[in-house]
Amino acid sequence: MTACGGKMAKATAWEVTDEFWKRVEPLIPLRQRAADQTYSRKTGGGRKPKDPRLVFEGIVYVLRTGCQWKALPAERYGSASAIHARFLEWEKAGVFEALWKLGLAEYDEFEGIAWRWQSIDGAMMKAPLAQQSVGPNPTDRGKKWEQTPFAGGRSWRPVVARRDRSKPA
């Protein structure tokens, strides 16, 4: 129950619920300093690392809303470049692939996936015959090489290539 005296508020699409975070947290790699590396700063110098849950929520915000990384609300998530750097770090560590596999396994238990009937197909190239079926690009309609000459007007080039202006025509 909430303080408003009613039902619990529904989480927005990018908010990470406690239940979901319990499943995600074990997948997040711990950040550790390399023992064999020398650092120019003292231990504990600089900013404290961001809370992994807040970072994950920022990543989910970008993925759910489709906004650019730099458009992350700084007042909630802080530096967008720090969130993006952590996203790349976690992606390299396989966090999102592991999360996808867990979600797939959970859905298979809950609903069941007909694995025998699954297939995927795709192509990442231009359609070779698209120009013939679609026609010319509408943004090219104002280009000089496609314009027809004005009816009754002067030709593109003057008849006389060069005229001496000091003498009468």
C-alpha atoms as a PDB file:
ATOM      1  CA  MET A   1       0.000   0.000   0.000  1.00  0.00           C
ATOM      2  CA  THR A   2       1.201   3.490  -0.731  1.00  0.00           C
ATOM      3  CA  ALA A   3       1.089   6.612   1.404  1.00  0.00           C
ATOM      4  CA  CYS A   4      -1.671   7.891  -0.887  1.00  0.00           C
ATOM      5  CA  GLY A   5      -3.986   5.298   0.643  1.00  0.00           C
ATOM      6  CA  GLY A   6      -4.526   3.068  -2.306  1.00  0.00           C
ATOM      7  CA  LYS A   7      -2.965   0.483  -4.532  1.00  0.00           C
ATOM      8  CA  MET A   8       0.722   0.320  -5.225  1.00  0.00           C
ATOM      9  CA  ALA A   9       1.786   2.561  -8.081  1.00  0.00           C
ATOM     10  CA  LYS A  10       2.602   0.807 -11.323  1.00  0.00           C
ATOM     11  CA  ALA A  11       6.254   1.102 -12.331  1.00  0.00           C
ATOM     12  CA  THR A  12       7.005   2.906 -15.571  1.00  0.00           C
ATOM     13  CA  ALA A  13       8.562   0.927 -18.401  1.00  0.00           C
ATOM     14  CA  TRP A  14      12.138   1.904 -17.527  1.00  0.00           C
ATOM     15  CA  GLU A  15      11.982   1.559 -13.748  1.00  0.00           C
ATOM     16  CA  VAL A  16      13.653  -1.556 -12.389  1.00  0.00           C
ATOM     17  CA  THR A  17      11.466  -3.249  -9.798  1.00  0.00           C
ATOM     18  CA  ASP A  18      12.950  -4.967  -6.742  1.00  0.00           C
ATOM     19  CA  GLU A  19      11.814  -8.343  -8.086  1.00  0.00           C
ATOM     20  CA  PHE A  20      13.531  -7.778 -11.444  1.00  0.00           C
ATOM     21  CA  TRP A  21      16.686  -6.413  -9.821  1.00  0.00           C
ATOM     22  CA  LYS A  22      16.999  -9.600  -7.724  1.00  0.00           C
ATOM     23  CA  ARG A  23      17.329 -11.527 -11.001  1.00  0.00           C
ATOM     24  CA  VAL A  24      19.705  -9.038 -12.642  1.00  0.00           C
ATOM     25  CA  GLU A  25      22.059  -8.286  -9.728  1.00  0.00           C
ATOM     26  CA  PRO A  26      23.903 -11.661  -9.743  1.00  0.00           C
ATOM     27  CA  LEU A  27      24.779 -11.118 -13.424  1.00  0.00           C
ATOM     28  CA  ILE A  28      26.477  -7.746 -12.850  1.00  0.00           C
ATOM     29  CA  PRO A  29      30.285  -8.122 -12.676  1.00  0.00           C
ATOM     30  CA  LEU A  30      32.049  -6.703  -9.622  1.00  0.00           C
ATOM     31  CA  ARG A  31      34.444  -3.832 -10.307  1.00  0.00           C
ATOM     32  CA  GLN A  32      37.861  -4.599  -8.908  1.00  0.00           C
ATOM     33  CA  ARG A  33      41.197  -2.862  -9.194  1.00  0.00           C
ATOM     34  CA  ALA A  34      43.905  -4.896 -10.858  1.00  0.00           C
ATOM     35  CA  ALA A  35      46.534  -5.804  -8.273  1.00  0.00           C
ATOM     36  CA  ASP A  36      49.401  -5.877 -10.784  1.00  0.00           C
ATOM     37  CA  GLN A  37      48.709  -2.375 -12.101  1.00  0.00           C
ATOM     38  CA  THR A  38      50.130   0.815 -10.589  1.00  0.00           C
ATOM     39  CA  TYR A  39      47.755   3.714 -10.152  1.00  0.00           C
ATOM     40  CA  SER A  40      48.705   7.389 -10.000  1.00  0.00           C
ATOM     41  CA  ARG A  41      45.877   8.159  -7.557  1.00  0.00           C
ATOM     42  CA  LYS A  42      45.443   6.904  -4.045  1.00  0.00           C
ATOM     43  CA  THR A  43      42.834   4.264  -3.367  1.00  0.00           C
ATOM     44  CA  GLY A  44      39.536   5.990  -2.787  1.00  0.00           C
ATOM     45  CA  GLY A  45      40.455   9.043  -4.836  1.00  0.00           C
ATOM     46  CA  GLY A  46      37.986  10.423  -7.356  1.00  0.00           C
ATOM     47  CA  ARG A  47      34.259   9.925  -7.544  1.00  0.00           C
ATOM     48  CA  LYS A  48      32.574   6.933  -6.052  1.00  0.00           C
ATOM     49  CA  PRO A  49      31.284   4.463  -8.638  1.00  0.00           C
ATOM     50  CA  LYS A  50      27.617   4.747  -9.485  1.00  0.00           C
ATOM     51  CA  ASP A  51      25.167   2.330  -7.924  1.00  0.00           C
ATOM     52  CA  PRO A  52      24.829  -0.615 -10.364  1.00  0.00           C
ATOM     53  CA  ARG A  53      21.049  -0.571 -10.039  1.00  0.00           C
ATOM     54  CA  LEU A  54      20.896   3.097 -11.046  1.00  0.00           C
ATOM     55  CA  VAL A  55      23.227   2.392 -13.968  1.00  0.00           C
ATOM     56  CA  PHE A  56      21.077  -0.547 -15.071  1.00  0.00           C
ATOM     57  CA  GLU A  57      17.949   1.589 -14.791  1.00  0.00           C
ATOM     58  CA  GLY A  58      19.603   4.237 -16.982  1.00  0.00           C
ATOM     59  CA  ILE A  59      20.450   1.591 -19.577  1.00  0.00           C
ATOM     60  CA  VAL A  60      16.874   0.293 -19.508  1.00  0.00           C
ATOM     61  CA  TYR A  61      15.651   3.901 -19.879  1.00  0.00           C
ATOM     62  CA  VAL A  62      17.660   4.331 -23.089  1.00  0.00           C
ATOM     63  CA  LEU A  63      16.581   0.959 -24.460  1.00  0.00           C
ATOM     64  CA  ARG A  64      12.884   1.429 -23.646  1.00  0.00           C
ATOM     65  CA  THR A  65      12.517   5.069 -24.718  1.00  0.00           C
ATOM     66  CA  GLY A  66      14.856   4.923 -27.707  1.00  0.00           C
ATOM     67  CA  CYS A  67      16.524   8.184 -26.698  1.00  0.00           C
ATOM     68  CA  GLN A  68      20.175   8.949 -27.334  1.00  0.00           C
ATOM     69  CA  TRP A  69      22.664   8.366 -24.553  1.00  0.00           C
ATOM     70  CA  LYS A  70      23.263  12.108 -24.169  1.00  0.00           C
ATOM     71  CA  ALA A  71      19.514  12.624 -23.650  1.00  0.00           C
ATOM     72  CA  LEU A  72      19.485  10.661 -20.379  1.00  0.00           C
ATOM     73  CA  PRO A  73      18.053  12.840 -17.602  1.00  0.00           C
ATOM     74  CA  ALA A  74      21.208  13.990 -15.789  1.00  0.00           C
ATOM     75  CA  GLU A  75      19.282  14.927 -12.649  1.00  0.00           C
ATOM     76  CA  ARG A  76      18.315  11.259 -12.172  1.00  0.00           C
ATOM     77  CA  TYR A  77      21.166   9.234 -13.701  1.00  0.00           C
ATOM     78  CA  GLY A  78      24.136  11.618 -13.684  1.00  0.00           C
ATOM     79  CA  SER A  79      26.697  11.512 -16.476  1.00  0.00           C
ATOM     80  CA  ALA A  80      25.357   9.874 -19.627  1.00  0.00           C
ATOM     81  CA  SER A  81      28.885   8.980 -20.747  1.00  0.00           C
ATOM     82  CA  ALA A  82      29.466   7.099 -17.472  1.00  0.00           C
ATOM     83  CA  ILE A  83      26.245   5.107 -17.989  1.00  0.00           C
ATOM     84  CA  HIS A  84      27.238   4.364 -21.593  1.00  0.00           C
ATOM     85  CA  ALA A  85      30.738   3.294 -20.554  1.00  0.00           C
ATOM     86  CA  ARG A  86      29.262   0.877 -18.012  1.00  0.00           C
ATOM     87  CA  PHE A  87      26.840  -0.415 -20.682  1.00  0.00           C
ATOM     88  CA  LEU A  88      29.796  -1.216 -22.965  1.00  0.00           C
ATOM     89  CA  GLU A  89      31.646  -2.839 -20.052  1.00  0.00           C
ATOM     90  CA  TRP A  90      28.663  -5.033 -19.165  1.00  0.00           C
ATOM     91  CA  GLU A  91      27.950  -5.881 -22.784  1.00  0.00           C
ATOM     92  CA  LYS A  92      31.532  -7.069 -23.196  1.00  0.00           C
ATOM     93  CA  ALA A  93      31.185  -9.139 -19.990  1.00  0.00           C
ATOM     94  CA  GLY A  94      28.062 -10.855 -21.419  1.00  0.00           C
ATOM     95  CA  VAL A  95      25.548  -9.467 -18.909  1.00  0.00           C
ATOM     96  CA  PHE A  96      22.825  -8.777 -21.455  1.00  0.00           C
ATOM     97  CA  GLU A  97      23.218 -12.086 -23.255  1.00  0.00           C
ATOM     98  CA  ALA A  98      22.963 -13.918 -19.921  1.00  0.00           C
ATOM     99  CA  LEU A  99      19.889 -11.856 -19.017  1.00  0.00           C
ATOM    100  CA  TRP A 100      18.309 -12.692 -22.379  1.00  0.00           C
ATOM    101  CA  LYS A 101      19.004 -16.412 -21.851  1.00  0.00           C
ATOM    102  CA  LEU A 102      17.470 -16.309 -18.364  1.00  0.00           C
ATOM    103  CA  GLY A 103      14.403 -14.539 -19.688  1.00  0.00           C
ATOM    104  CA  LEU A 104      14.077 -17.036 -22.512  1.00  0.00           C
ATOM    105  CA  ALA A 105      14.357 -19.985 -20.121  1.00  0.00           C
ATOM    106  CA  GLU A 106      11.793 -18.411 -17.781  1.00  0.00           C
ATOM    107  CA  TYR A 107       9.371 -17.842 -20.645  1.00  0.00           C
ATOM    108  CA  ASP A 108       9.913 -21.424 -21.816  1.00  0.00           C
ATOM    109  CA  GLU A 109       8.948 -22.700 -18.344  1.00  0.00           C
ATOM    110  CA  PHE A 110       5.995 -20.339 -18.062  1.00  0.00           C
ATOM    111  CA  GLU A 111       4.489 -20.450 -21.555  1.00  0.00           C
ATOM    112  CA  GLY A 112       6.536 -23.010 -23.442  1.00  0.00           C
ATOM    113  CA  ILE A 113       8.489 -22.427 -26.636  1.00  0.00           C
ATOM    114  CA  ALA A 114       7.992 -24.715 -29.604  1.00  0.00           C
ATOM    115  CA  TRP A 115      11.713 -25.032 -30.357  1.00  0.00           C
ATOM    116  CA  ARG A 116      11.136 -27.276 -33.372  1.00  0.00           C
ATOM    117  CA  TRP A 117       9.270 -24.481 -35.145  1.00  0.00           C
ATOM    118  CA  GLN A 118      11.616 -21.590 -34.479  1.00  0.00           C
ATOM    119  CA  SER A 119      13.456 -19.976 -37.367  1.00  0.00           C
ATOM    120  CA  ILE A 120      14.990 -16.635 -38.140  1.00  0.00           C
ATOM    121  CA  ASP A 121      15.878 -14.921 -41.365  1.00  0.00           C
ATOM    122  CA  GLY A 122      17.172 -11.508 -42.217  1.00  0.00           C
ATOM    123  CA  ALA A 123      19.117  -9.449 -44.685  1.00  0.00           C
ATOM    124  CA  MET A 124      21.119  -6.301 -44.106  1.00  0.00           C
ATOM    125  CA  MET A 125      21.507  -4.854 -47.597  1.00  0.00           C
ATOM    126  CA  LYS A 126      19.660  -2.682 -50.080  1.00  0.00           C
ATOM    127  CA  ALA A 127      16.998  -4.299 -52.195  1.00  0.00           C
ATOM    128  CA  PRO A 128      18.612  -4.651 -55.644  1.00  0.00           C
ATOM    129  CA  LEU A 129      15.471  -3.767 -57.611  1.00  0.00           C
ATOM    130  CA  ALA A 130      14.158  -1.061 -55.317  1.00  0.00           C
ATOM    131  CA  GLN A 131      14.912   1.841 -57.698  1.00  0.00           C
ATOM    132  CA  GLN A 132      12.835   0.309 -60.503  1.00  0.00           C
ATOM    133  CA  SER A 133       9.827  -0.425 -58.332  1.00  0.00           C
ATOM    134  CA  VAL A 134       9.860   2.785 -56.283  1.00  0.00           C
ATOM    135  CA  GLY A 135      10.958   5.379 -58.831  1.00  0.00           C
ATOM    136  CA  PRO A 136      13.274   8.363 -58.470  1.00  0.00           C
ATOM    137  CA  ASN A 137      14.107   9.878 -55.124  1.00  0.00           C
ATOM    138  CA  PRO A 138      11.605  12.709 -54.464  1.00  0.00           C
ATOM    139  CA  THR A 139      14.300  14.851 -52.856  1.00  0.00           C
ATOM    140  CA  ASP A 140      16.171  15.029 -56.180  1.00  0.00           C
ATOM    141  CA  ARG A 141      13.366  16.801 -58.042  1.00  0.00           C
ATOM    142  CA  GLY A 142      14.950  20.250 -57.814  1.00  0.00           C
ATOM    143  CA  LYS A 143      18.361  19.346 -59.178  1.00  0.00           C
ATOM    144  CA  LYS A 144      19.605  21.211 -62.275  1.00  0.00           C
ATOM    145  CA  TRP A 145      20.322  18.113 -64.347  1.00  0.00           C
ATOM    146  CA  GLU A 146      16.696  17.044 -64.195  1.00  0.00           C
ATOM    147  CA  GLN A 147      15.046  20.404 -64.909  1.00  0.00           C
ATOM    148  CA  THR A 148      13.381  20.944 -68.262  1.00  0.00           C
ATOM    149  CA  PRO A 149      14.183  24.218 -70.063  1.00  0.00           C
ATOM    150  CA  PHE A 150      11.693  27.035 -69.642  1.00  0.00           C
ATOM    151  CA  ALA A 151       9.371  27.206 -72.667  1.00  0.00           C
ATOM    152  CA  GLY A 152      10.056  30.309 -74.788  1.00  0.00           C
ATOM    153  CA  GLY A 153      12.953  31.356 -72.614  1.00  0.00           C
ATOM    154  CA  ARG A 154      16.568  31.870 -73.345  1.00  0.00           C
ATOM    155  CA  SER A 155      18.731  28.794 -73.863  1.00  0.00           C
ATOM    156  CA  TRP A 156      21.136  27.790 -71.126  1.00  0.00           C
ATOM    157  CA  ARG A 157      24.201  29.258 -72.839  1.00  0.00           C
ATOM    158  CA  PRO A 158      24.166  32.563 -74.673  1.00  0.00           C
ATOM    159  CA  VAL A 159      24.530  32.425 -78.458  1.00  0.00           C
ATOM    160  CA  VAL A 160      27.603  34.684 -78.375  1.00  0.00           C
ATOM    161  CA  ALA A 161      30.295  33.166 -76.218  1.00  0.00           C
ATOM    162  CA  ARG A 162      32.033  36.518 -75.466  1.00  0.00           C
ATOM    163  CA  ARG A 163      31.144  40.063 -76.386  1.00  0.00           C
ATOM    164  CA  ASP A 164      33.326  43.146 -76.219  1.00  0.00           C
ATOM    165  CA  ARG A 165      31.229  45.604 -74.233  1.00  0.00           C
ATOM    166  CA  SER A 166      33.128  48.649 -75.467  1.00  0.00           C
ATOM    167  CA  LYS A 167      31.687  48.291 -78.992  1.00  0.00           C
ATOM    168  CA  PRO A 168      27.963  48.542 -79.790  1.00  0.00           C
ATOM    169  CA  ALA A 169      26.102  45.312 -80.490  1.00  0.00           C
END
